[in-house]
Amino acid sequence: MWNDLTSGNAEILYRRSTDGGSTFGSTINLSNDARDSLEPAIAAIENSVYVVWQDQDSITEDNEILYRKSTDGGINFGITVNLSNQEGNQGSPDIAASDVT
């Protein structure tokens, strides 16, 4: 997972490996919006992959913390969820995964 600026704004891109990093699959744009997406963090456990990042709101221009989850080992990701969803700037996201409930 990394930040990429080739589209004209910062995007969060992701590639999956199933062989210990020898090869990688197709690139997935996880953020895919017109505003800058920065500071990605990733965590995984078993078949679940969790990604968070800082993203600029298109209306207020405040920074929010967004999240996407995969339950199939990073093949597909669900909808983007705004975790912070409040006024003001939010930043420096981090995430961890545990099998303890």
C-alpha atoms as a PDB file:
ATOM      1  CA  MET A   1       0.000   0.000   0.000  1.00  0.00           C
ATOM      2  CA  TRP A   2       1.307   3.462  -0.861  1.00  0.00           C
ATOM      3  CA  ASN A   3       0.499   7.067  -1.762  1.00  0.00           C
ATOM      4  CA  ASP A   4       0.539   7.829  -5.476  1.00  0.00           C
ATOM      5  CA  LEU A   5       0.441  11.257  -7.145  1.00  0.00           C
ATOM      6  CA  THR A   6       0.270  10.279 -10.837  1.00  0.00           C
ATOM      7  CA  SER A   7      -3.454  11.117 -11.123  1.00  0.00           C
ATOM      8  CA  GLY A   8      -2.825  14.752 -10.111  1.00  0.00           C
ATOM      9  CA  ASN A   9      -3.827  14.254  -6.491  1.00  0.00           C
ATOM     10  CA  ALA A  10      -2.696  11.841  -3.782  1.00  0.00           C
ATOM     11  CA  GLU A  11      -4.419   8.448  -3.905  1.00  0.00           C
ATOM     12  CA  ILE A  12      -4.055   5.334  -1.732  1.00  0.00           C
ATOM     13  CA  LEU A  13      -3.040   2.377  -3.900  1.00  0.00           C
ATOM     14  CA  TYR A  14      -2.815  -1.289  -2.917  1.00  0.00           C
ATOM     15  CA  ARG A  15      -1.414  -4.486  -4.411  1.00  0.00           C
ATOM     16  CA  ARG A  16      -1.821  -7.976  -2.987  1.00  0.00           C
ATOM     17  CA  SER A  17       0.779 -10.728  -2.821  1.00  0.00           C
ATOM     18  CA  THR A  18       0.031 -14.365  -2.034  1.00  0.00           C
ATOM     19  CA  ASP A  19       3.599 -15.674  -2.319  1.00  0.00           C
ATOM     20  CA  GLY A  20       5.514 -13.741   0.310  1.00  0.00           C
ATOM     21  CA  GLY A  21       6.131 -10.706  -1.898  1.00  0.00           C
ATOM     22  CA  SER A  22       7.687 -12.428  -4.923  1.00  0.00           C
ATOM     23  CA  THR A  23       4.836 -11.277  -7.191  1.00  0.00           C
ATOM     24  CA  PHE A  24       1.915  -8.872  -6.839  1.00  0.00           C
ATOM     25  CA  GLY A  25      -1.570  -8.671  -8.324  1.00  0.00           C
ATOM     26  CA  SER A  26      -3.288  -5.730  -9.987  1.00  0.00           C
ATOM     27  CA  THR A  27      -3.237  -2.282  -8.407  1.00  0.00           C
ATOM     28  CA  ILE A  28      -6.424  -1.240  -6.577  1.00  0.00           C
ATOM     29  CA  ASN A  29      -7.147   2.452  -5.918  1.00  0.00           C
ATOM     30  CA  LEU A  30      -8.651   2.355  -2.421  1.00  0.00           C
ATOM     31  CA  SER A  31      -9.335   6.092  -2.026  1.00  0.00           C
ATOM     32  CA  ASN A  32     -10.301   6.989  -5.615  1.00  0.00           C
ATOM     33  CA  ASP A  33     -11.515  10.559  -5.164  1.00  0.00           C
ATOM     34  CA  ALA A  34     -10.646  14.061  -6.359  1.00  0.00           C
ATOM     35  CA  ARG A  35      -9.137  15.206  -3.039  1.00  0.00           C
ATOM     36  CA  ASP A  36      -5.796  14.278  -1.513  1.00  0.00           C
ATOM     37  CA  SER A  37      -5.648  10.985   0.382  1.00  0.00           C
ATOM     38  CA  LEU A  38      -2.628  10.681   2.670  1.00  0.00           C
ATOM     39  CA  GLU A  39      -0.989   8.752   5.533  1.00  0.00           C
ATOM     40  CA  PRO A  40      -2.279   5.232   4.859  1.00  0.00           C
ATOM     41  CA  ALA A  41      -2.036   2.512   7.488  1.00  0.00           C
ATOM     42  CA  ILE A  42      -2.853  -1.178   7.096  1.00  0.00           C
ATOM     43  CA  ALA A  43      -3.471  -4.139   9.390  1.00  0.00           C
ATOM     44  CA  ALA A  44      -4.390  -7.731   8.592  1.00  0.00           C
ATOM     45  CA  ILE A  45      -5.347 -10.884  10.421  1.00  0.00           C
ATOM     46  CA  GLU A  46      -6.376 -14.151   8.783  1.00  0.00           C
ATOM     47  CA  ASN A  47      -8.508 -13.152   5.741  1.00  0.00           C
ATOM     48  CA  SER A  48      -9.376  -9.657   6.976  1.00  0.00           C
ATOM     49  CA  VAL A  49      -7.468  -6.580   5.787  1.00  0.00           C
ATOM     50  CA  TYR A  50      -8.141  -3.156   7.333  1.00  0.00           C
ATOM     51  CA  VAL A  51      -7.004   0.138   5.793  1.00  0.00           C
ATOM     52  CA  VAL A  52      -7.280   3.699   7.149  1.00  0.00           C
ATOM     53  CA  TRP A  53      -6.092   7.006   5.709  1.00  0.00           C
ATOM     54  CA  GLN A  54      -6.484  10.751   5.986  1.00  0.00           C
ATOM     55  CA  ASP A  55      -8.677  12.305   3.287  1.00  0.00           C
ATOM     56  CA  GLN A  56      -9.732  15.872   2.548  1.00  0.00           C
ATOM     57  CA  ASP A  57     -13.508  16.412   2.686  1.00  0.00           C
ATOM     58  CA  SER A  58     -14.850  17.728  -0.635  1.00  0.00           C
ATOM     59  CA  ILE A  59     -17.176  20.267   1.036  1.00  0.00           C
ATOM     60  CA  THR A  60     -15.454  21.522   4.197  1.00  0.00           C
ATOM     61  CA  GLU A  61     -11.877  20.746   3.080  1.00  0.00           C
ATOM     62  CA  ASP A  62     -11.253  19.396   6.608  1.00  0.00           C
ATOM     63  CA  ASN A  63      -9.204  16.223   6.892  1.00  0.00           C
ATOM     64  CA  GLU A  64     -11.183  13.126   7.864  1.00  0.00           C
ATOM     65  CA  ILE A  65     -10.128   9.557   8.702  1.00  0.00           C
ATOM     66  CA  LEU A  66     -11.531   7.026   6.226  1.00  0.00           C
ATOM     67  CA  TYR A  67     -11.618   3.229   6.425  1.00  0.00           C
ATOM     68  CA  ARG A  68     -12.108   0.242   4.133  1.00  0.00           C
ATOM     69  CA  LYS A  69     -12.206  -3.456   4.983  1.00  0.00           C
ATOM     70  CA  SER A  70     -11.641  -6.659   3.039  1.00  0.00           C
ATOM     71  CA  THR A  71     -12.914 -10.009   4.307  1.00  0.00           C
ATOM     72  CA  ASP A  72     -11.499 -12.096   1.439  1.00  0.00           C
ATOM     73  CA  GLY A  73      -7.782 -11.601   1.953  1.00  0.00           C
ATOM     74  CA  GLY A  74      -7.543  -8.259   0.158  1.00  0.00           C
ATOM     75  CA  ILE A  75      -9.151  -9.304  -3.129  1.00  0.00           C
ATOM     76  CA  ASN A  76     -12.164  -6.999  -2.712  1.00  0.00           C
ATOM     77  CA  PHE A  77     -12.794  -4.082  -0.357  1.00  0.00           C
ATOM     78  CA  GLY A  78     -16.094  -2.842   1.042  1.00  0.00           C
ATOM     79  CA  ILE A  79     -17.427   0.696   0.981  1.00  0.00           C
ATOM     80  CA  THR A  80     -15.443   3.625   2.329  1.00  0.00           C
ATOM     81  CA  VAL A  81     -16.500   4.615   5.857  1.00  0.00           C
ATOM     82  CA  ASN A  82     -15.761   7.997   7.473  1.00  0.00           C
ATOM     83  CA  LEU A  83     -14.547   7.091  10.973  1.00  0.00           C
ATOM     84  CA  SER A  84     -14.005  10.639  12.269  1.00  0.00           C
ATOM     85  CA  ASN A  85     -16.992  12.420  10.681  1.00  0.00           C
ATOM     86  CA  GLN A  86     -16.679  15.618  12.709  1.00  0.00           C
ATOM     87  CA  GLU A  87     -15.681  19.257  12.316  1.00  0.00           C
ATOM     88  CA  GLY A  88     -12.017  20.171  12.281  1.00  0.00           C
ATOM     89  CA  ASN A  89      -8.992  18.354  10.985  1.00  0.00           C
ATOM     90  CA  GLN A  90      -8.291  14.739  11.856  1.00  0.00           C
ATOM     91  CA  GLY A  91      -4.945  13.177  11.030  1.00  0.00           C
ATOM     92  CA  SER A  92      -2.239  10.577  11.572  1.00  0.00           C
ATOM     93  CA  PRO A  93      -4.443   7.473  11.488  1.00  0.00           C
ATOM     94  CA  ASP A  94      -3.177   4.121  12.682  1.00  0.00           C
ATOM     95  CA  ILE A  95      -4.803   0.706  12.918  1.00  0.00           C
ATOM     96  CA  ALA A  96      -4.173  -2.706  14.470  1.00  0.00           C
ATOM     97  CA  ALA A  97      -5.862  -6.096  14.155  1.00  0.00           C
ATOM     98  CA  SER A  98      -6.341  -8.806  16.759  1.00  0.00           C
ATOM     99  CA  ASP A  99      -8.193 -12.106  16.917  1.00  0.00           C
ATOM    100  CA  VAL A 100      -9.213 -11.376  20.520  1.00  0.00           C
ATOM    101  CA  THR A 101     -12.893 -10.405  20.806  1.00  0.00           C
END
